[in-house]
Amino acid sequence: MPVSALIRSAVFCSDLDRSTAFYRALGLDAVYYEGDLDPESSKGALQVPAGSTLRCRILKRGADAANFGMVGLFELTPLPQPLPTPAGPPRLGETALVFFAQPFMEVLTAAREAGATWSPDPITFTMPHRSQLEVCLRDPDGVLINLIDRDQAEQFRTSAV
C-alpha cells in the first residue's frame, strides 16, 4: 500500500524553545500543533518510561502552507540518555533534513546565529545537469541539516530538477 508524501520529521530535542528558535531561523515560522502529549499514548507509541512527559511543537513554513514537510520537535522529561553528540560530516545510518534555501547566505547566517553546532563553509556542488551552493550543518542537538541554494518553488515541480 502506498504511503503519503513525507509529512514531518520528528526531532527529539533537549530544549524545545532553543530548537524552536533554530528552526524558525530556517523559516519554519508557523505552529501546526503545540502541547503536551497524552502520557499513555506516548508510552505506548514511543515506549517512553512511565511518568514521563512529552512536550511537542510541530512547525511548518507559513500558517497557510500544506500540512507536509513539517518538523516536529519533541522534548521528553526526564531527558532520555542521549546518543553521542555528532559533530562533523554524516555517519552511516544518519538521516539529514534537506531544505531549499534562498537567499542562501542569509539562511545559513541565521542558522549559525541560532545555534548551529557544526557549520563548515558552503561549496559549489556540481552535477551533470546543474551546479548549486550547498552546505551541511548541525542543529543545536546535532541533527544533520542540508541547505541547498534553490528556488523554493522547485519543491512543487513533478519532474527531476
N, C-alpha and C. Protein backbone atom coordinates (compact mmCIF):
# COMPACT_ATOMS: atom_id res chain seq x y z
N MET A 1 0.85 -1.18 0.00
CA MET A 1 0.00 0.00 0.00
C MET A 1 0.89 1.24 0.00
N PRO A 2 0.61 2.20 -0.87
CA PRO A 2 1.45 3.40 -0.95
C PRO A 2 1.29 4.28 0.29
N VAL A 3 2.32 5.04 0.54
CA VAL A 3 2.30 6.00 1.65
C VAL A 3 2.18 7.41 1.08
N SER A 4 1.89 8.35 1.95
CA SER A 4 1.80 9.76 1.56
C SER A 4 3.19 10.33 1.33
N ALA A 5 3.22 11.59 0.94
CA ALA A 5 4.47 12.34 0.95
C ALA A 5 4.96 12.39 2.39
N LEU A 6 6.22 12.62 2.60
CA LEU A 6 6.75 12.74 3.95
C LEU A 6 6.03 13.89 4.66
N ILE A 7 5.34 13.57 5.73
CA ILE A 7 4.54 14.57 6.45
C ILE A 7 5.43 15.44 7.32
N ARG A 8 6.24 14.81 8.14
CA ARG A 8 7.13 15.58 9.00
C ARG A 8 8.28 14.69 9.46
N SER A 9 9.29 15.37 9.92
CA SER A 9 10.39 14.72 10.59
C SER A 9 10.20 14.97 12.08
N ALA A 10 10.43 13.97 12.89
CA ALA A 10 10.33 14.11 14.34
C ALA A 10 11.74 14.24 14.90
N VAL A 11 12.01 15.35 15.57
CA VAL A 11 13.31 15.62 16.15
C VAL A 11 13.15 15.61 17.67
N PHE A 12 13.82 14.69 18.34
CA PHE A 12 13.80 14.65 19.79
C PHE A 12 14.92 15.56 20.28
N CYS A 13 14.54 16.61 20.97
CA CYS A 13 15.49 17.66 21.31
C CYS A 13 15.63 17.81 22.82
N SER A 14 16.73 18.41 23.23
CA SER A 14 16.98 18.60 24.66
C SER A 14 16.35 19.88 25.20
N ASP A 15 16.05 20.84 24.33
CA ASP A 15 15.48 22.11 24.75
C ASP A 15 14.51 22.58 23.67
N LEU A 16 13.23 22.42 23.92
CA LEU A 16 12.20 22.72 22.92
C LEU A 16 12.26 24.16 22.44
N ASP A 17 12.46 25.09 23.34
CA ASP A 17 12.49 26.50 22.95
C ASP A 17 13.72 26.83 22.11
N ARG A 18 14.87 26.30 22.48
CA ARG A 18 16.10 26.54 21.71
C ARG A 18 15.97 25.95 20.31
N SER A 19 15.44 24.73 20.21
CA SER A 19 15.26 24.11 18.90
C SER A 19 14.22 24.86 18.08
N THR A 20 13.17 25.34 18.72
CA THR A 20 12.17 26.14 18.01
C THR A 20 12.81 27.38 17.40
N ALA A 21 13.64 28.07 18.17
CA ALA A 21 14.32 29.27 17.67
C ALA A 21 15.19 28.92 16.46
N PHE A 22 15.87 27.77 16.51
CA PHE A 22 16.73 27.36 15.40
C PHE A 22 15.91 27.13 14.13
N TYR A 23 14.85 26.34 14.24
CA TYR A 23 14.07 26.01 13.05
C TYR A 23 13.25 27.20 12.55
N ARG A 24 12.89 28.10 13.44
CA ARG A 24 12.24 29.34 12.99
C ARG A 24 13.23 30.19 12.19
N ALA A 25 14.51 30.17 12.57
CA ALA A 25 15.53 30.90 11.82
C ALA A 25 15.66 30.35 10.40
N LEU A 26 15.32 29.08 10.20
CA LEU A 26 15.33 28.49 8.86
C LEU A 26 14.06 28.84 8.08
N GLY A 27 13.06 29.39 8.74
CA GLY A 27 11.84 29.79 8.05
C GLY A 27 10.60 28.98 8.41
N LEU A 28 10.72 28.03 9.33
CA LEU A 28 9.56 27.28 9.78
C LEU A 28 8.91 28.10 10.90
N ASP A 29 8.09 29.06 10.51
CA ASP A 29 7.64 30.09 11.44
C ASP A 29 6.21 29.92 11.95
N ALA A 30 5.50 28.90 11.51
CA ALA A 30 4.12 28.69 11.95
C ALA A 30 4.03 27.42 12.79
N VAL A 31 3.16 27.45 13.79
CA VAL A 31 2.95 26.29 14.65
C VAL A 31 1.72 25.53 14.14
N TYR A 32 1.92 24.28 13.74
CA TYR A 32 0.84 23.41 13.32
C TYR A 32 0.13 22.83 14.53
N TYR A 33 0.92 22.40 15.52
CA TYR A 33 0.38 21.85 16.76
C TYR A 33 1.37 22.10 17.88
N GLU A 34 0.85 22.33 19.09
CA GLU A 34 1.71 22.52 20.25
C GLU A 34 0.97 22.00 21.48
N GLY A 35 1.67 21.28 22.32
CA GLY A 35 1.06 20.84 23.57
C GLY A 35 1.80 19.67 24.18
N ASP A 36 1.32 19.24 25.33
CA ASP A 36 1.84 18.04 25.98
C ASP A 36 1.07 16.85 25.44
N LEU A 37 1.78 15.81 25.07
CA LEU A 37 1.13 14.63 24.51
C LEU A 37 0.64 13.72 25.63
N ASP A 38 -0.41 13.00 25.34
CA ASP A 38 -1.02 12.07 26.30
C ASP A 38 0.03 11.07 26.79
N PRO A 39 0.24 10.97 28.11
CA PRO A 39 1.27 10.07 28.65
C PRO A 39 1.08 8.60 28.25
N GLU A 40 -0.13 8.11 28.26
CA GLU A 40 -0.35 6.71 27.89
C GLU A 40 -0.07 6.47 26.42
N SER A 41 -0.48 7.39 25.57
CA SER A 41 -0.20 7.25 24.14
C SER A 41 1.30 7.32 23.87
N SER A 42 1.97 8.27 24.53
CA SER A 42 3.42 8.40 24.36
C SER A 42 4.14 7.14 24.83
N LYS A 43 3.69 6.61 25.96
CA LYS A 43 4.30 5.38 26.48
C LYS A 43 4.09 4.24 25.50
N GLY A 44 2.89 4.14 24.93
CA GLY A 44 2.61 3.05 24.01
C GLY A 44 3.32 3.18 22.67
N ALA A 45 3.26 4.37 22.10
CA ALA A 45 3.83 4.58 20.76
C ALA A 45 5.34 4.65 20.77
N LEU A 46 5.91 5.31 21.78
CA LEU A 46 7.36 5.54 21.81
C LEU A 46 8.09 4.72 22.85
N GLN A 47 7.33 4.00 23.68
CA GLN A 47 7.94 3.18 24.73
C GLN A 47 8.74 4.02 25.72
N VAL A 48 8.26 5.25 26.00
CA VAL A 48 8.93 6.09 26.98
C VAL A 48 8.57 5.60 28.38
N PRO A 49 9.42 5.86 29.36
CA PRO A 49 9.15 5.39 30.72
C PRO A 49 7.87 5.99 31.29
N ALA A 50 7.20 5.23 32.12
CA ALA A 50 6.01 5.72 32.82
C ALA A 50 6.39 6.97 33.61
N GLY A 51 5.50 7.92 33.68
CA GLY A 51 5.75 9.16 34.41
C GLY A 51 6.45 10.22 33.60
N SER A 52 6.82 9.90 32.36
CA SER A 52 7.48 10.89 31.51
C SER A 52 6.46 11.86 30.94
N THR A 53 6.92 13.05 30.63
CA THR A 53 6.09 14.00 29.89
C THR A 53 6.75 14.26 28.55
N LEU A 54 5.94 14.49 27.55
CA LEU A 54 6.44 14.73 26.20
C LEU A 54 5.79 15.99 25.66
N ARG A 55 6.59 17.07 25.64
CA ARG A 55 6.13 18.34 25.05
C ARG A 55 6.38 18.28 23.55
N CYS A 56 5.47 18.85 22.80
CA CYS A 56 5.55 18.78 21.35
C CYS A 56 5.27 20.14 20.74
N ARG A 57 6.02 20.47 19.70
CA ARG A 57 5.73 21.66 18.89
C ARG A 57 6.06 21.28 17.45
N ILE A 58 5.06 21.29 16.60
CA ILE A 58 5.25 20.95 15.19
C ILE A 58 5.22 22.25 14.40
N LEU A 59 6.31 22.49 13.67
CA LEU A 59 6.48 23.73 12.91
C LEU A 59 6.32 23.47 11.42
N LYS A 60 5.79 24.47 10.74
CA LYS A 60 5.72 24.41 9.28
C LYS A 60 6.00 25.79 8.73
N ARG A 61 6.14 25.85 7.43
CA ARG A 61 6.51 27.09 6.76
C ARG A 61 5.25 27.86 6.38
N GLY A 62 4.84 28.78 7.24
CA GLY A 62 3.68 29.61 6.96
C GLY A 62 2.38 28.96 7.41
N ALA A 63 1.51 29.76 7.99
CA ALA A 63 0.24 29.25 8.52
C ALA A 63 -0.64 28.65 7.43
N ASP A 64 -0.51 29.14 6.20
CA ASP A 64 -1.33 28.64 5.10
C ASP A 64 -0.66 27.54 4.30
N ALA A 65 0.53 27.11 4.72
CA ALA A 65 1.26 26.07 3.99
C ALA A 65 0.57 24.72 4.17
N ALA A 66 0.79 23.84 3.22
CA ALA A 66 0.24 22.49 3.31
C ALA A 66 0.79 21.76 4.53
N ASN A 67 0.06 20.75 4.97
CA ASN A 67 0.45 20.01 6.18
C ASN A 67 1.38 18.84 5.85
N PHE A 68 2.48 19.15 5.18
CA PHE A 68 3.56 18.19 4.98
C PHE A 68 4.85 18.99 4.94
N GLY A 69 5.98 18.29 5.04
CA GLY A 69 7.25 18.99 5.07
C GLY A 69 7.49 19.71 6.39
N MET A 70 6.85 19.25 7.43
CA MET A 70 6.95 19.90 8.74
C MET A 70 8.08 19.28 9.57
N VAL A 71 8.46 19.98 10.62
CA VAL A 71 9.43 19.46 11.58
C VAL A 71 8.73 19.44 12.94
N GLY A 72 8.61 18.25 13.52
CA GLY A 72 8.03 18.11 14.84
C GLY A 72 9.14 18.05 15.88
N LEU A 73 9.09 18.92 16.85
CA LEU A 73 10.08 18.97 17.92
C LEU A 73 9.46 18.35 19.17
N PHE A 74 10.17 17.43 19.78
CA PHE A 74 9.67 16.69 20.93
C PHE A 74 10.69 16.74 22.05
N GLU A 75 10.26 17.18 23.24
CA GLU A 75 11.14 17.26 24.40
C GLU A 75 10.58 16.33 25.48
N LEU A 76 11.33 15.31 25.80
CA LEU A 76 10.93 14.31 26.78
C LEU A 76 11.54 14.65 28.14
N THR A 77 10.71 14.60 29.20
CA THR A 77 11.18 14.82 30.56
C THR A 77 10.80 13.63 31.41
N PRO A 78 11.73 13.06 32.16
CA PRO A 78 13.14 13.43 32.21
C PRO A 78 13.83 13.12 30.88
N LEU A 79 14.92 13.86 30.63
CA LEU A 79 15.64 13.67 29.38
C LEU A 79 16.14 12.24 29.27
N PRO A 80 15.95 11.61 28.10
CA PRO A 80 16.48 10.26 27.92
C PRO A 80 18.00 10.29 27.75
N GLN A 81 18.59 9.13 27.79
CA GLN A 81 20.03 9.00 27.55
C GLN A 81 20.30 9.48 26.12
N PRO A 82 21.14 10.50 25.95
CA PRO A 82 21.38 10.99 24.59
C PRO A 82 22.34 10.08 23.82
N LEU A 83 22.18 10.11 22.51
CA LEU A 83 23.19 9.49 21.65
C LEU A 83 24.45 10.34 21.77
N PRO A 84 25.60 9.77 21.46
CA PRO A 84 26.79 10.62 21.44
C PRO A 84 26.54 11.79 20.48
N THR A 85 26.83 13.00 20.92
CA THR A 85 26.56 14.17 20.08
C THR A 85 27.43 14.12 18.84
N PRO A 86 26.77 14.08 17.68
CA PRO A 86 27.56 14.02 16.45
C PRO A 86 28.19 15.37 16.16
N ALA A 87 29.31 15.32 15.56
CA ALA A 87 29.99 16.52 15.08
C ALA A 87 30.58 16.17 13.74
N GLY A 88 30.60 17.10 12.86
CA GLY A 88 31.22 16.86 11.57
C GLY A 88 30.30 16.19 10.57
N PRO A 89 30.92 15.53 9.60
CA PRO A 89 30.18 15.02 8.45
C PRO A 89 29.22 13.87 8.81
N PRO A 90 28.37 13.49 7.86
CA PRO A 90 27.37 12.43 8.08
C PRO A 90 28.00 11.10 8.48
N ARG A 91 27.21 10.32 9.22
CA ARG A 91 27.62 8.99 9.64
C ARG A 91 26.66 7.97 9.03
N LEU A 92 27.13 6.76 8.86
CA LEU A 92 26.32 5.69 8.29
C LEU A 92 25.04 5.53 9.10
N GLY A 93 23.91 5.49 8.43
CA GLY A 93 22.62 5.32 9.07
C GLY A 93 21.97 6.62 9.52
N GLU A 94 22.66 7.72 9.39
CA GLU A 94 22.13 9.01 9.81
C GLU A 94 21.21 9.59 8.74
N THR A 95 20.21 10.31 9.18
CA THR A 95 19.29 11.00 8.28
C THR A 95 19.61 12.48 8.29
N ALA A 96 19.44 13.13 7.15
CA ALA A 96 19.61 14.59 7.07
C ALA A 96 18.28 15.21 6.68
N LEU A 97 17.97 16.34 7.27
CA LEU A 97 16.82 17.14 6.86
C LEU A 97 17.31 18.06 5.75
N VAL A 98 16.66 18.03 4.60
CA VAL A 98 17.11 18.78 3.43
C VAL A 98 16.11 19.89 3.13
N PHE A 99 16.64 21.11 2.98
CA PHE A 99 15.80 22.27 2.68
C PHE A 99 16.39 23.04 1.51
N PHE A 100 15.52 23.51 0.58
CA PHE A 100 15.91 24.52 -0.38
C PHE A 100 15.95 25.83 0.40
N ALA A 101 16.94 26.67 0.17
CA ALA A 101 17.11 27.89 0.96
C ALA A 101 17.50 29.06 0.07
N GLN A 102 16.71 30.11 0.12
CA GLN A 102 17.04 31.35 -0.57
C GLN A 102 16.46 32.52 0.20
N PRO A 103 17.16 33.59 0.41
CA PRO A 103 18.55 33.81 0.00
C PRO A 103 19.50 32.95 0.84
N PHE A 104 20.29 32.19 0.16
CA PHE A 104 21.09 31.12 0.75
C PHE A 104 21.97 31.59 1.90
N MET A 105 22.80 32.60 1.67
CA MET A 105 23.74 33.02 2.70
C MET A 105 23.01 33.63 3.91
N GLU A 106 21.89 34.27 3.69
CA GLU A 106 21.11 34.81 4.82
C GLU A 106 20.56 33.67 5.68
N VAL A 107 20.06 32.62 5.04
CA VAL A 107 19.55 31.47 5.79
C VAL A 107 20.68 30.80 6.56
N LEU A 108 21.82 30.61 5.92
CA LEU A 108 22.97 29.99 6.59
C LEU A 108 23.43 30.83 7.78
N THR A 109 23.51 32.13 7.60
CA THR A 109 23.91 33.02 8.70
C THR A 109 22.91 32.94 9.85
N ALA A 110 21.62 32.93 9.53
CA ALA A 110 20.59 32.83 10.57
C ALA A 110 20.70 31.51 11.32
N ALA A 111 20.98 30.41 10.62
CA ALA A 111 21.14 29.11 11.27
C ALA A 111 22.35 29.12 12.20
N ARG A 112 23.42 29.69 11.76
CA ARG A 112 24.62 29.79 12.60
C ARG A 112 24.34 30.62 13.85
N GLU A 113 23.68 31.75 13.68
CA GLU A 113 23.38 32.63 14.81
C GLU A 113 22.38 31.99 15.77
N ALA A 114 21.54 31.06 15.26
CA ALA A 114 20.52 30.41 16.10
C ALA A 114 21.03 29.14 16.77
N GLY A 115 22.32 28.83 16.61
CA GLY A 115 22.88 27.73 17.38
C GLY A 115 23.35 26.52 16.63
N ALA A 116 23.63 26.66 15.33
CA ALA A 116 24.19 25.52 14.60
C ALA A 116 25.47 25.06 15.33
N THR A 117 25.60 23.77 15.56
CA THR A 117 26.74 23.27 16.33
C THR A 117 27.92 22.87 15.45
N TRP A 118 27.70 22.75 14.16
CA TRP A 118 28.77 22.48 13.19
C TRP A 118 28.33 23.10 11.89
N SER A 119 29.17 23.90 11.28
CA SER A 119 28.75 24.64 10.09
C SER A 119 29.95 25.03 9.26
N PRO A 120 30.38 24.13 8.38
CA PRO A 120 31.51 24.48 7.51
C PRO A 120 31.06 25.48 6.44
N ASP A 121 32.00 25.94 5.65
CA ASP A 121 31.67 26.85 4.56
C ASP A 121 30.97 26.08 3.45
N PRO A 122 30.01 26.73 2.76
CA PRO A 122 29.32 26.08 1.65
C PRO A 122 30.27 25.84 0.48
N ILE A 123 29.89 24.90 -0.36
CA ILE A 123 30.66 24.60 -1.57
C ILE A 123 29.72 24.67 -2.77
N THR A 124 30.30 24.74 -3.95
CA THR A 124 29.50 24.61 -5.16
C THR A 124 29.45 23.13 -5.48
N PHE A 125 28.26 22.55 -5.36
CA PHE A 125 28.03 21.14 -5.62
C PHE A 125 27.69 21.01 -7.10
N THR A 126 28.49 20.24 -7.83
CA THR A 126 28.32 20.13 -9.27
C THR A 126 27.79 18.75 -9.64
N MET A 127 26.74 18.77 -10.45
CA MET A 127 26.16 17.54 -11.01
C MET A 127 26.16 17.71 -12.53
N PRO A 128 25.92 16.64 -13.27
CA PRO A 128 25.94 16.77 -14.73
C PRO A 128 24.98 17.84 -15.26
N HIS A 129 23.86 18.06 -14.60
CA HIS A 129 22.84 18.97 -15.13
C HIS A 129 22.74 20.31 -14.41
N ARG A 130 23.51 20.51 -13.34
CA ARG A 130 23.43 21.79 -12.64
C ARG A 130 24.53 21.91 -11.59
N SER A 131 24.75 23.14 -11.13
CA SER A 131 25.64 23.44 -10.02
C SER A 131 24.88 24.34 -9.06
N GLN A 132 25.13 24.16 -7.77
CA GLN A 132 24.42 24.96 -6.77
C GLN A 132 25.25 25.04 -5.51
N LEU A 133 25.08 26.11 -4.75
CA LEU A 133 25.70 26.19 -3.44
C LEU A 133 24.99 25.21 -2.51
N GLU A 134 25.77 24.58 -1.65
CA GLU A 134 25.21 23.59 -0.74
C GLU A 134 26.09 23.50 0.49
N VAL A 135 25.48 23.18 1.63
CA VAL A 135 26.23 23.00 2.86
C VAL A 135 25.46 22.07 3.78
N CYS A 136 26.19 21.31 4.56
CA CYS A 136 25.60 20.55 5.65
C CYS A 136 26.01 21.22 6.95
N LEU A 137 25.09 21.25 7.91
CA LEU A 137 25.37 21.79 9.23
C LEU A 137 24.58 20.97 10.23
N ARG A 138 24.71 21.28 11.50
CA ARG A 138 24.00 20.55 12.54
C ARG A 138 23.21 21.50 13.42
N ASP A 139 22.00 21.06 13.81
CA ASP A 139 21.16 21.87 14.69
C ASP A 139 21.70 21.82 16.11
N PRO A 140 21.07 22.49 17.08
CA PRO A 140 21.63 22.54 18.43
C PRO A 140 21.83 21.17 19.10
N ASP A 141 21.08 20.14 18.68
CA ASP A 141 21.26 18.80 19.25
C ASP A 141 22.04 17.88 18.32
N GLY A 142 22.59 18.42 17.24
CA GLY A 142 23.42 17.62 16.36
C GLY A 142 22.71 16.99 15.18
N VAL A 143 21.43 17.32 14.95
CA VAL A 143 20.70 16.78 13.80
C VAL A 143 21.31 17.37 12.53
N LEU A 144 21.58 16.52 11.55
CA LEU A 144 22.20 16.94 10.30
C LEU A 144 21.17 17.65 9.41
N ILE A 145 21.55 18.83 8.92
CA ILE A 145 20.71 19.66 8.05
C ILE A 145 21.50 19.90 6.76
N ASN A 146 20.84 19.77 5.62
CA ASN A 146 21.44 20.07 4.33
C ASN A 146 20.69 21.24 3.72
N LEU A 147 21.39 22.35 3.49
CA LEU A 147 20.79 23.51 2.84
C LEU A 147 21.28 23.57 1.40
N ILE A 148 20.34 23.79 0.47
CA ILE A 148 20.64 23.82 -0.96
C ILE A 148 20.14 25.15 -1.51
N ASP A 149 21.00 25.84 -2.25
CA ASP A 149 20.64 27.12 -2.84
C ASP A 149 19.76 26.88 -4.06
N ARG A 150 18.47 26.77 -3.80
CA ARG A 150 17.49 26.50 -4.87
C ARG A 150 16.23 27.31 -4.59
N ASP A 151 15.57 27.69 -5.64
CA ASP A 151 14.29 28.38 -5.54
C ASP A 151 13.29 27.45 -4.87
N GLN A 152 12.66 27.92 -3.82
CA GLN A 152 11.72 27.08 -3.08
C GLN A 152 10.53 26.65 -3.93
N ALA A 153 10.22 27.37 -5.00
CA ALA A 153 9.12 26.99 -5.87
C ALA A 153 9.39 25.63 -6.55
N GLU A 154 10.67 25.25 -6.65
CA GLU A 154 11.01 23.96 -7.29
C GLU A 154 10.48 22.77 -6.51
N GLN A 155 10.14 22.95 -5.24
CA GLN A 155 9.61 21.82 -4.46
C GLN A 155 8.28 21.35 -4.99
N PHE A 156 7.61 22.16 -5.80
CA PHE A 156 6.29 21.79 -6.32
C PHE A 156 6.36 21.19 -7.72
N ARG A 157 7.55 21.14 -8.30
CA ARG A 157 7.67 20.53 -9.64
C ARG A 157 7.49 19.03 -9.54
N THR A 158 7.09 18.44 -10.62
CA THR A 158 6.85 17.00 -10.63
C THR A 158 7.90 16.23 -11.40
N SER A 159 8.87 16.91 -11.99
CA SER A 159 9.97 16.24 -12.68
C SER A 159 11.26 16.55 -11.96
N ALA A 160 12.28 15.77 -12.23
CA ALA A 160 13.59 15.98 -11.60
C ALA A 160 14.11 17.36 -11.96
N VAL A 161 14.75 17.98 -10.99
CA VAL A 161 15.30 19.32 -11.22
C VAL A 161 16.79 19.33 -10.95
